[in-house]
Amino acid sequence: MVSEKTIYAIISAIVIVGGLGIGVAYYESVSVAHSSTSEQAATSLTLVISPNNWFNNSTIHHRQPAFFVVGPNGQLSSSALIKLPAHKLITLTIIDYDSGVTPIIGENGTSNNSTYAKVIGTVGNVEYVYNGSTSYINATLSGNASNNITIQKGSGWAVSSFPWVGGASGGWEVTHTFTIVQNGQILLNVPTFAGTNPSGGSITVTQFYLNNTGSFTWQCFVPCGNELNGWGGAMATAGWMTGEVEVVS
C-alpha cells in the first residue's frame, strides 16, 4: 500500500577542515510517497570537498580536489567505498571548499551536457544551498538575482538546476557533482554551487532514497583532474573524484 508521509528533518553539521569551522542548521518539510508499511529511518551522509590535495603517482605530481566522508566524530575518511541503506531516507550534506564555474561538464573532457547541472533523483528533484560567510551570501544574492534561482532566506536556496553564467567565456555555475550511476543511468546527481567567492565555501543539503541493492559507481562529472582533458588523475582514482556506493538492505 502506498501512503504519503510527511518527514521532518533537522540536520546539524559542524565540520572543521584546515582550521575553518562551518555550522549548518536545516529544517524542511517534504511529502514523499513510497511503498512501505513501516516508518522510514533517516540516514545521513556528510561529504567534504577539499580542493588542494597532493596527488602523486608515476606521471602526475599536482594538487587536485577530493571528496572525503565525515565520520561520526568529525574525522575525515576515504570516499572510495560509501555504504548506504536501501529503502531509507538519506540526508546528504556536501561541504564544498572549492569554487569556480566550469565550461565543460559531462561524460568526457569536451562535453557540455546540461543534464549534470540539474538536480536528479532527490526528493522533489531539489537541493538546498547554504553559504559560508555573510560576504559570500551578499555576493551570491546579488549575483544570482537575475539567474532565476529561488532564494529562501533562513532555509537555504531551493535549487533544481544551475544556469550558465558569464556569456561565451563563462560556464555552468557548478564546481563539482556527486553522481551515482548504474549502467549509464543517472540514479542521483547533486551539483555543488560554484558561487562568486574565490575562497569557496558553499554547503549543499538534499534528501533521497536508493531502492535497489548492489554496488554502483559514484563520479564527479566536472573534469577536474589532470591529463586526458581533465579526466585523469583524481577523476579516475577511487577516493578522489570517483568511487563505489554499496547499497545494502
C-alpha atoms as a PDB file:
ATOM      1  CA  MET A   1       0.000   0.000   0.000  1.00  0.00           C
ATOM      2  CA  VAL A   2       1.355   3.397  -0.946  1.00  0.00           C
ATOM      3  CA  SER A   3       0.899   6.057   1.706  1.00  0.00           C
ATOM      4  CA  GLU A   4       2.020   9.666   1.915  1.00  0.00           C
ATOM      5  CA  LYS A   5       4.170  10.522   4.874  1.00  0.00           C
ATOM      6  CA  THR A   6       5.447  13.871   5.966  1.00  0.00           C
ATOM      7  CA  ILE A   7       9.040  13.751   7.031  1.00  0.00           C
ATOM      8  CA  TYR A   8      10.608  16.440   9.128  1.00  0.00           C
ATOM      9  CA  ALA A   9      14.384  16.618   9.089  1.00  0.00           C
ATOM     10  CA  ILE A  10      16.638  18.666  11.288  1.00  0.00           C
ATOM     11  CA  ILE A  11      20.225  18.499  10.198  1.00  0.00           C
ATOM     12  CA  SER A  12      23.055  19.972  12.163  1.00  0.00           C
ATOM     13  CA  ALA A  13      26.588  19.629  10.845  1.00  0.00           C
ATOM     14  CA  ILE A  14      29.684  21.212  12.309  1.00  0.00           C
ATOM     15  CA  VAL A  15      32.891  20.376  10.497  1.00  0.00           C
ATOM     16  CA  ILE A  16      36.392  21.719  10.987  1.00  0.00           C
ATOM     17  CA  VAL A  17      38.726  21.419   7.995  1.00  0.00           C
ATOM     18  CA  GLY A  18      42.082  23.132   7.773  1.00  0.00           C
ATOM     19  CA  GLY A  19      41.273  25.332  10.746  1.00  0.00           C
ATOM     20  CA  LEU A  20      37.986  26.597   9.252  1.00  0.00           C
ATOM     21  CA  GLY A  21      34.700  25.784  11.005  1.00  0.00           C
ATOM     22  CA  ILE A  22      31.299  25.818   9.320  1.00  0.00           C
ATOM     23  CA  GLY A  23      27.976  25.260  11.082  1.00  0.00           C
ATOM     24  CA  VAL A  24      24.739  24.323   9.325  1.00  0.00           C
ATOM     25  CA  ALA A  25      21.181  24.097  10.574  1.00  0.00           C
ATOM     26  CA  TYR A  26      18.415  22.973   8.213  1.00  0.00           C
ATOM     27  CA  TYR A  27      14.704  22.400   8.675  1.00  0.00           C
ATOM     28  CA  GLU A  28      12.408  21.403   5.850  1.00  0.00           C
ATOM     29  CA  SER A  29       9.124  19.553   5.483  1.00  0.00           C
ATOM     30  CA  VAL A  30       8.644  17.313   2.457  1.00  0.00           C
ATOM     31  CA  SER A  31       5.913  14.900   1.461  1.00  0.00           C
ATOM     32  CA  VAL A  32       7.088  11.619  -0.013  1.00  0.00           C
ATOM     33  CA  ALA A  33       5.037   8.757  -1.415  1.00  0.00           C
ATOM     34  CA  HIS A  34       6.671   5.339  -1.182  1.00  0.00           C
ATOM     35  CA  SER A  35       5.658   1.735  -0.664  1.00  0.00           C
ATOM     36  CA  SER A  36       6.329   0.676   2.895  1.00  0.00           C
ATOM     37  CA  THR A  37       4.314  -0.352   5.902  1.00  0.00           C
ATOM     38  CA  SER A  38       6.942   0.714   8.424  1.00  0.00           C
ATOM     39  CA  GLU A  39       8.381   4.103   9.321  1.00  0.00           C
ATOM     40  CA  GLN A  40      11.441   5.025   7.266  1.00  0.00           C
ATOM     41  CA  ALA A  41      14.568   5.657   9.367  1.00  0.00           C
ATOM     42  CA  ALA A  42      16.688   8.554   8.134  1.00  0.00           C
ATOM     43  CA  THR A  43      20.386   8.060   7.475  1.00  0.00           C
ATOM     44  CA  SER A  44      22.876  10.874   6.956  1.00  0.00           C
ATOM     45  CA  LEU A  45      25.987  11.169   4.799  1.00  0.00           C
ATOM     46  CA  THR A  46      28.267  14.205   5.039  1.00  0.00           C
ATOM     47  CA  LEU A  47      30.947  14.786   2.408  1.00  0.00           C
ATOM     48  CA  VAL A  48      33.702  17.400   2.279  1.00  0.00           C
ATOM     49  CA  ILE A  49      35.321  18.533  -0.975  1.00  0.00           C
ATOM     50  CA  SER A  50      38.887  19.681  -0.363  1.00  0.00           C
ATOM     51  CA  PRO A  51      40.482  21.370  -3.426  1.00  0.00           C
ATOM     52  CA  ASN A  52      44.216  21.167  -2.687  1.00  0.00           C
ATOM     53  CA  ASN A  53      45.298  17.589  -2.033  1.00  0.00           C
ATOM     54  CA  TRP A  54      48.671  16.357  -3.220  1.00  0.00           C
ATOM     55  CA  PHE A  55      48.197  13.739  -5.958  1.00  0.00           C
ATOM     56  CA  ASN A  56      51.395  11.834  -6.619  1.00  0.00           C
ATOM     57  CA  ASN A  57      51.818   8.872  -8.947  1.00  0.00           C
ATOM     58  CA  SER A  58      54.293   7.899 -11.664  1.00  0.00           C
ATOM     59  CA  THR A  59      53.154  10.622 -14.083  1.00  0.00           C
ATOM     60  CA  ILE A  60      51.139  13.197 -12.100  1.00  0.00           C
ATOM     61  CA  HIS A  61      52.519  15.389  -9.316  1.00  0.00           C
ATOM     62  CA  HIS A  62      49.914  18.043  -8.665  1.00  0.00           C
ATOM     63  CA  ARG A  63      47.334  19.324  -6.182  1.00  0.00           C
ATOM     64  CA  GLN A  64      43.839  18.078  -7.016  1.00  0.00           C
ATOM     65  CA  PRO A  65      40.373  18.029  -5.406  1.00  0.00           C
ATOM     66  CA  ALA A  66      38.945  15.084  -3.486  1.00  0.00           C
ATOM     67  CA  PHE A  67      35.763  14.027  -1.712  1.00  0.00           C
ATOM     68  CA  PHE A  68      36.090  12.885   1.909  1.00  0.00           C
ATOM     69  CA  VAL A  69      33.489  11.240   4.150  1.00  0.00           C
ATOM     70  CA  VAL A  70      32.950  12.916   7.528  1.00  0.00           C
ATOM     71  CA  GLY A  71      32.793  10.357  10.331  1.00  0.00           C
ATOM     72  CA  PRO A  72      30.640  10.495  13.492  1.00  0.00           C
ATOM     73  CA  ASN A  73      33.409  12.200  15.461  1.00  0.00           C
ATOM     74  CA  GLY A  74      34.284  14.694  12.735  1.00  0.00           C
ATOM     75  CA  GLN A  75      37.207  12.718  11.327  1.00  0.00           C
ATOM     76  CA  LEU A  76      37.702  12.536   7.549  1.00  0.00           C
ATOM     77  CA  SER A  77      37.880   9.150   5.836  1.00  0.00           C
ATOM     78  CA  SER A  78      38.186   7.882   2.269  1.00  0.00           C
ATOM     79  CA  SER A  79      35.243   8.124  -0.114  1.00  0.00           C
ATOM     80  CA  ALA A  80      36.460   5.122  -2.145  1.00  0.00           C
ATOM     81  CA  LEU A  81      33.653   2.975  -0.687  1.00  0.00           C
ATOM     82  CA  ILE A  82      30.460   4.517   0.674  1.00  0.00           C
ATOM     83  CA  LYS A  83      27.854   2.213   2.240  1.00  0.00           C
ATOM     84  CA  LEU A  84      24.211   3.315   2.254  1.00  0.00           C
ATOM     85  CA  PRO A  85      20.928   1.580   3.152  1.00  0.00           C
ATOM     86  CA  ALA A  86      18.201   0.712   0.663  1.00  0.00           C
ATOM     87  CA  HIS A  87      14.623   1.976   1.065  1.00  0.00           C
ATOM     88  CA  LYS A  88      15.521   4.564   3.698  1.00  0.00           C
ATOM     89  CA  LEU A  89      15.534   8.342   3.579  1.00  0.00           C
ATOM     90  CA  ILE A  90      19.152   9.501   3.252  1.00  0.00           C
ATOM     91  CA  THR A  91      20.159  13.064   4.061  1.00  0.00           C
ATOM     92  CA  LEU A  92      23.217  14.197   2.115  1.00  0.00           C
ATOM     93  CA  THR A  93      25.284  17.227   3.133  1.00  0.00           C
ATOM     94  CA  ILE A  94      28.173  18.347   0.907  1.00  0.00           C
ATOM     95  CA  ILE A  95      30.582  20.969   2.245  1.00  0.00           C
ATOM     96  CA  ASP A  96      32.494  22.320  -0.746  1.00  0.00           C
ATOM     97  CA  TYR A  97      35.682  24.338  -0.197  1.00  0.00           C
ATOM     98  CA  ASP A  98      36.270  24.657  -3.947  1.00  0.00           C
ATOM     99  CA  SER A  99      34.893  27.365  -6.263  1.00  0.00           C
ATOM    100  CA  GLY A 100      34.689  28.435  -9.889  1.00  0.00           C
ATOM    101  CA  VAL A 101      32.366  27.836 -12.848  1.00  0.00           C
ATOM    102  CA  THR A 102      33.014  25.153 -15.467  1.00  0.00           C
ATOM    103  CA  PRO A 103      32.545  25.397 -19.255  1.00  0.00           C
ATOM    104  CA  ILE A 104      32.893  21.611 -19.521  1.00  0.00           C
ATOM    105  CA  ILE A 105      30.531  19.205 -17.787  1.00  0.00           C
ATOM    106  CA  GLY A 106      29.560  15.650 -18.653  1.00  0.00           C
ATOM    107  CA  GLU A 107      30.969  12.307 -19.695  1.00  0.00           C
ATOM    108  CA  ASN A 108      34.300  13.435 -21.193  1.00  0.00           C
ATOM    109  CA  GLY A 109      36.772  16.298 -21.430  1.00  0.00           C
ATOM    110  CA  THR A 110      34.931  18.065 -24.260  1.00  0.00           C
ATOM    111  CA  SER A 111      31.336  17.507 -23.121  1.00  0.00           C
ATOM    112  CA  ASN A 112      28.868  20.313 -22.482  1.00  0.00           C
ATOM    113  CA  ASN A 113      25.916  18.350 -21.110  1.00  0.00           C
ATOM    114  CA  SER A 114      23.500  20.496 -19.108  1.00  0.00           C
ATOM    115  CA  THR A 115      21.986  17.336 -17.573  1.00  0.00           C
ATOM    116  CA  TYR A 116      24.733  17.381 -14.945  1.00  0.00           C
ATOM    117  CA  ALA A 117      23.838  20.942 -13.931  1.00  0.00           C
ATOM    118  CA  LYS A 118      20.418  19.615 -12.846  1.00  0.00           C
ATOM    119  CA  VAL A 119      19.400  18.023  -9.545  1.00  0.00           C
ATOM    120  CA  ILE A 120      18.277  14.456 -10.285  1.00  0.00           C
ATOM    121  CA  GLY A 121      16.977  11.664  -8.055  1.00  0.00           C
ATOM    122  CA  THR A 122      16.442  13.647  -4.851  1.00  0.00           C
ATOM    123  CA  VAL A 123      13.156  14.252  -3.045  1.00  0.00           C
ATOM    124  CA  GLY A 124      11.368  16.715  -5.311  1.00  0.00           C
ATOM    125  CA  ASN A 125      14.467  16.882  -7.564  1.00  0.00           C
ATOM    126  CA  VAL A 126      15.706  19.778  -5.455  1.00  0.00           C
ATOM    127  CA  GLU A 127      18.688  20.623  -3.262  1.00  0.00           C
ATOM    128  CA  TYR A 128      19.220  23.402  -0.710  1.00  0.00           C
ATOM    129  CA  VAL A 129      22.299  25.611  -0.937  1.00  0.00           C
ATOM    130  CA  TYR A 130      23.850  27.446   2.008  1.00  0.00           C
ATOM    131  CA  ASN A 131      26.878  29.702   2.188  1.00  0.00           C
ATOM    132  CA  GLY A 132      29.887  30.023   4.446  1.00  0.00           C
ATOM    133  CA  SER A 133      30.023  33.742   5.240  1.00  0.00           C
ATOM    134  CA  THR A 134      27.959  36.929   5.239  1.00  0.00           C
ATOM    135  CA  SER A 135      30.032  38.465   2.441  1.00  0.00           C
ATOM    136  CA  TYR A 136      29.545  35.341   0.348  1.00  0.00           C
ATOM    137  CA  ILE A 137      25.789  35.439   0.910  1.00  0.00           C
ATOM    138  CA  ASN A 138      25.626  39.095  -0.148  1.00  0.00           C
ATOM    139  CA  ALA A 139      27.750  38.460  -3.245  1.00  0.00           C
ATOM    140  CA  THR A 140      25.725  35.488  -4.412  1.00  0.00           C
ATOM    141  CA  LEU A 141      22.384  37.105  -3.609  1.00  0.00           C
ATOM    142  CA  SER A 142      23.132  39.981  -5.966  1.00  0.00           C
ATOM    143  CA  GLY A 143      24.922  37.772  -8.483  1.00  0.00           C
ATOM    144  CA  ASN A 144      22.056  35.289  -8.829  1.00  0.00           C
ATOM    145  CA  ALA A 145      19.060  37.603  -8.687  1.00  0.00           C
ATOM    146  CA  SER A 146      18.877  37.514 -12.489  1.00  0.00           C
ATOM    147  CA  ASN A 147      19.578  33.792 -12.868  1.00  0.00           C
ATOM    148  CA  ASN A 148      16.126  32.593 -11.791  1.00  0.00           C
ATOM    149  CA  ILE A 149      17.443  30.807  -8.705  1.00  0.00           C
ATOM    150  CA  THR A 150      14.857  30.944  -5.942  1.00  0.00           C
ATOM    151  CA  ILE A 151      16.338  32.235  -2.695  1.00  0.00           C
ATOM    152  CA  GLN A 152      14.610  31.210   0.534  1.00  0.00           C
ATOM    153  CA  LYS A 153      16.108  33.179   3.393  1.00  0.00           C
ATOM    154  CA  GLY A 154      16.587  31.097   6.513  1.00  0.00           C
ATOM    155  CA  SER A 155      16.067  27.739   4.821  1.00  0.00           C
ATOM    156  CA  GLY A 156      18.624  27.764   2.024  1.00  0.00           C
ATOM    157  CA  TRP A 157      18.096  28.198  -1.692  1.00  0.00           C
ATOM    158  CA  ALA A 158      15.760  25.646  -3.233  1.00  0.00           C
ATOM    159  CA  VAL A 159      17.639  24.801  -6.431  1.00  0.00           C
ATOM    160  CA  SER A 160      16.612  22.374  -9.181  1.00  0.00           C
ATOM    161  CA  SER A 161      19.316  23.343 -11.695  1.00  0.00           C
ATOM    162  CA  PHE A 162      22.215  25.759 -12.084  1.00  0.00           C
ATOM    163  CA  PRO A 163      22.496  28.184 -15.007  1.00  0.00           C
ATOM    164  CA  TRP A 164      25.274  29.041 -17.426  1.00  0.00           C
ATOM    165  CA  VAL A 165      26.741  32.429 -16.457  1.00  0.00           C
ATOM    166  CA  GLY A 166      29.268  34.818 -17.988  1.00  0.00           C
ATOM    167  CA  GLY A 167      28.349  34.572 -21.655  1.00  0.00           C
ATOM    168  CA  ALA A 168      30.562  32.782 -24.170  1.00  0.00           C
ATOM    169  CA  SER A 169      33.592  32.939 -21.877  1.00  0.00           C
ATOM    170  CA  GLY A 170      31.694  31.746 -18.784  1.00  0.00           C
ATOM    171  CA  GLY A 171      30.471  28.354 -17.658  1.00  0.00           C
ATOM    172  CA  TRP A 172      27.973  26.345 -15.663  1.00  0.00           C
ATOM    173  CA  GLU A 173      27.640  27.590 -12.089  1.00  0.00           C
ATOM    174  CA  VAL A 174      28.761  24.179 -10.818  1.00  0.00           C
ATOM    175  CA  THR A 175      32.024  23.292  -9.067  1.00  0.00           C
ATOM    176  CA  HIS A 176      31.606  19.504  -8.746  1.00  0.00           C
ATOM    177  CA  THR A 177      28.889  16.853  -8.850  1.00  0.00           C
ATOM    178  CA  PHE A 178      28.205  13.838  -6.665  1.00  0.00           C
ATOM    179  CA  THR A 179      26.606  11.470  -9.157  1.00  0.00           C
ATOM    180  CA  ILE A 180      25.586   7.830  -8.685  1.00  0.00           C
ATOM    181  CA  VAL A 181      25.237   5.869 -11.926  1.00  0.00           C
ATOM    182  CA  GLN A 182      24.163   2.360 -12.879  1.00  0.00           C
ATOM    183  CA  ASN A 183      24.875   1.054 -16.381  1.00  0.00           C
ATOM    184  CA  GLY A 184      24.980   4.590 -17.735  1.00  0.00           C
ATOM    185  CA  GLN A 185      21.753   5.630 -15.995  1.00  0.00           C
ATOM    186  CA  ILE A 186      21.852   8.510 -13.516  1.00  0.00           C
ATOM    187  CA  LEU A 187      20.334   7.452 -10.191  1.00  0.00           C
ATOM    188  CA  LEU A 188      21.412  10.599  -8.353  1.00  0.00           C
ATOM    189  CA  ASN A 189      23.016  13.866  -9.451  1.00  0.00           C
ATOM    190  CA  VAL A 190      23.813  16.555  -6.878  1.00  0.00           C
ATOM    191  CA  PRO A 191      25.800  19.511  -8.288  1.00  0.00           C
ATOM    192  CA  THR A 192      27.570  21.882  -5.901  1.00  0.00           C
ATOM    193  CA  PHE A 193      27.291  25.638  -6.319  1.00  0.00           C
ATOM    194  CA  ALA A 194      30.291  27.417  -7.862  1.00  0.00           C
ATOM    195  CA  GLY A 195      29.441  30.818  -6.402  1.00  0.00           C
ATOM    196  CA  THR A 196      31.372  34.048  -6.654  1.00  0.00           C
ATOM    197  CA  ASN A 197      33.592  33.683  -3.603  1.00  0.00           C
ATOM    198  CA  PRO A 198      37.176  32.891  -4.752  1.00  0.00           C
ATOM    199  CA  SER A 199      37.772  31.086  -1.448  1.00  0.00           C
ATOM    200  CA  GLY A 200      34.836  28.723  -1.959  1.00  0.00           C
ATOM    201  CA  GLY A 201      32.529  27.793   0.881  1.00  0.00           C
ATOM    202  CA  SER A 202      29.105  26.538  -0.232  1.00  0.00           C
ATOM    203  CA  ILE A 203      27.088  23.873   1.565  1.00  0.00           C
ATOM    204  CA  THR A 204      24.511  21.664  -0.152  1.00  0.00           C
ATOM    205  CA  VAL A 205      21.806  19.667   1.644  1.00  0.00           C
ATOM    206  CA  THR A 206      19.381  17.253  -0.003  1.00  0.00           C
ATOM    207  CA  GLN A 207      17.494  14.001   0.638  1.00  0.00           C
ATOM    208  CA  PHE A 208      16.996  10.875  -1.460  1.00  0.00           C
ATOM    209  CA  TYR A 209      16.148   7.161  -1.497  1.00  0.00           C
ATOM    210  CA  LEU A 210      18.071   4.275  -3.075  1.00  0.00           C
ATOM    211  CA  ASN A 211      15.658   1.456  -3.842  1.00  0.00           C
ATOM    212  CA  ASN A 212      17.983  -1.167  -5.348  1.00  0.00           C
ATOM    213  CA  THR A 213      20.694  -3.071  -3.513  1.00  0.00           C
ATOM    214  CA  GLY A 214      24.101  -3.704  -5.063  1.00  0.00           C
ATOM    215  CA  SER A 215      27.287  -1.878  -5.996  1.00  0.00           C
ATOM    216  CA  PHE A 216      27.156   1.335  -8.013  1.00  0.00           C
ATOM    217  CA  THR A 217      29.683   3.905  -9.183  1.00  0.00           C
ATOM    218  CA  TRP A 218      29.770   7.454  -7.886  1.00  0.00           C
ATOM    219  CA  GLN A 219      31.561  10.006 -10.035  1.00  0.00           C
ATOM    220  CA  CYS A 220      32.129  13.744 -10.315  1.00  0.00           C
ATOM    221  CA  PHE A 221      31.211  14.869 -13.838  1.00  0.00           C
ATOM    222  CA  VAL A 222      33.118  18.154 -13.822  1.00  0.00           C
ATOM    223  CA  PRO A 223      36.548  17.307 -15.326  1.00  0.00           C
ATOM    224  CA  CYS A 224      38.824  18.493 -12.537  1.00  0.00           C
ATOM    225  CA  GLY A 225      41.774  16.101 -12.798  1.00  0.00           C
ATOM    226  CA  ASN A 226      44.996  16.139 -14.779  1.00  0.00           C
ATOM    227  CA  GLU A 227      45.668  14.734 -18.258  1.00  0.00           C
ATOM    228  CA  LEU A 228      43.035  13.152 -20.532  1.00  0.00           C
ATOM    229  CA  ASN A 229      41.289  16.534 -20.891  1.00  0.00           C
ATOM    230  CA  GLY A 230      40.741  16.703 -17.145  1.00  0.00           C
ATOM    231  CA  TRP A 231      39.604  13.082 -16.764  1.00  0.00           C
ATOM    232  CA  GLY A 232      42.908  11.703 -15.491  1.00  0.00           C
ATOM    233  CA  GLY A 233      44.388  11.782 -12.019  1.00  0.00           C
ATOM    234  CA  ALA A 234      41.765  12.469  -9.357  1.00  0.00           C
ATOM    235  CA  MET A 235      38.852  11.883 -11.752  1.00  0.00           C
ATOM    236  CA  ALA A 236      39.912   8.289 -12.341  1.00  0.00           C
ATOM    237  CA  THR A 237      41.144   7.431  -8.831  1.00  0.00           C
ATOM    238  CA  ALA A 238      38.883   5.850  -6.200  1.00  0.00           C
ATOM    239  CA  GLY A 239      38.551   8.019  -3.119  1.00  0.00           C
ATOM    240  CA  TRP A 240      39.192  11.238  -5.027  1.00  0.00           C
ATOM    241  CA  MET A 241      36.564  12.159  -7.631  1.00  0.00           C
ATOM    242  CA  THR A 242      35.119   8.678  -8.029  1.00  0.00           C
ATOM    243  CA  GLY A 243      34.393   5.569  -6.007  1.00  0.00           C
ATOM    244  CA  GLU A 244      31.861   2.880  -5.192  1.00  0.00           C
ATOM    245  CA  VAL A 245      28.500   3.072  -3.437  1.00  0.00           C
ATOM    246  CA  GLU A 246      27.363  -0.170  -1.832  1.00  0.00           C
ATOM    247  CA  VAL A 247      23.628  -0.225  -1.135  1.00  0.00           C
ATOM    248  CA  VAL A 248      22.597  -2.812   1.445  1.00  0.00           C
ATOM    249  CA  SER A 249      19.201  -3.948   2.699  1.00  0.00           C
END
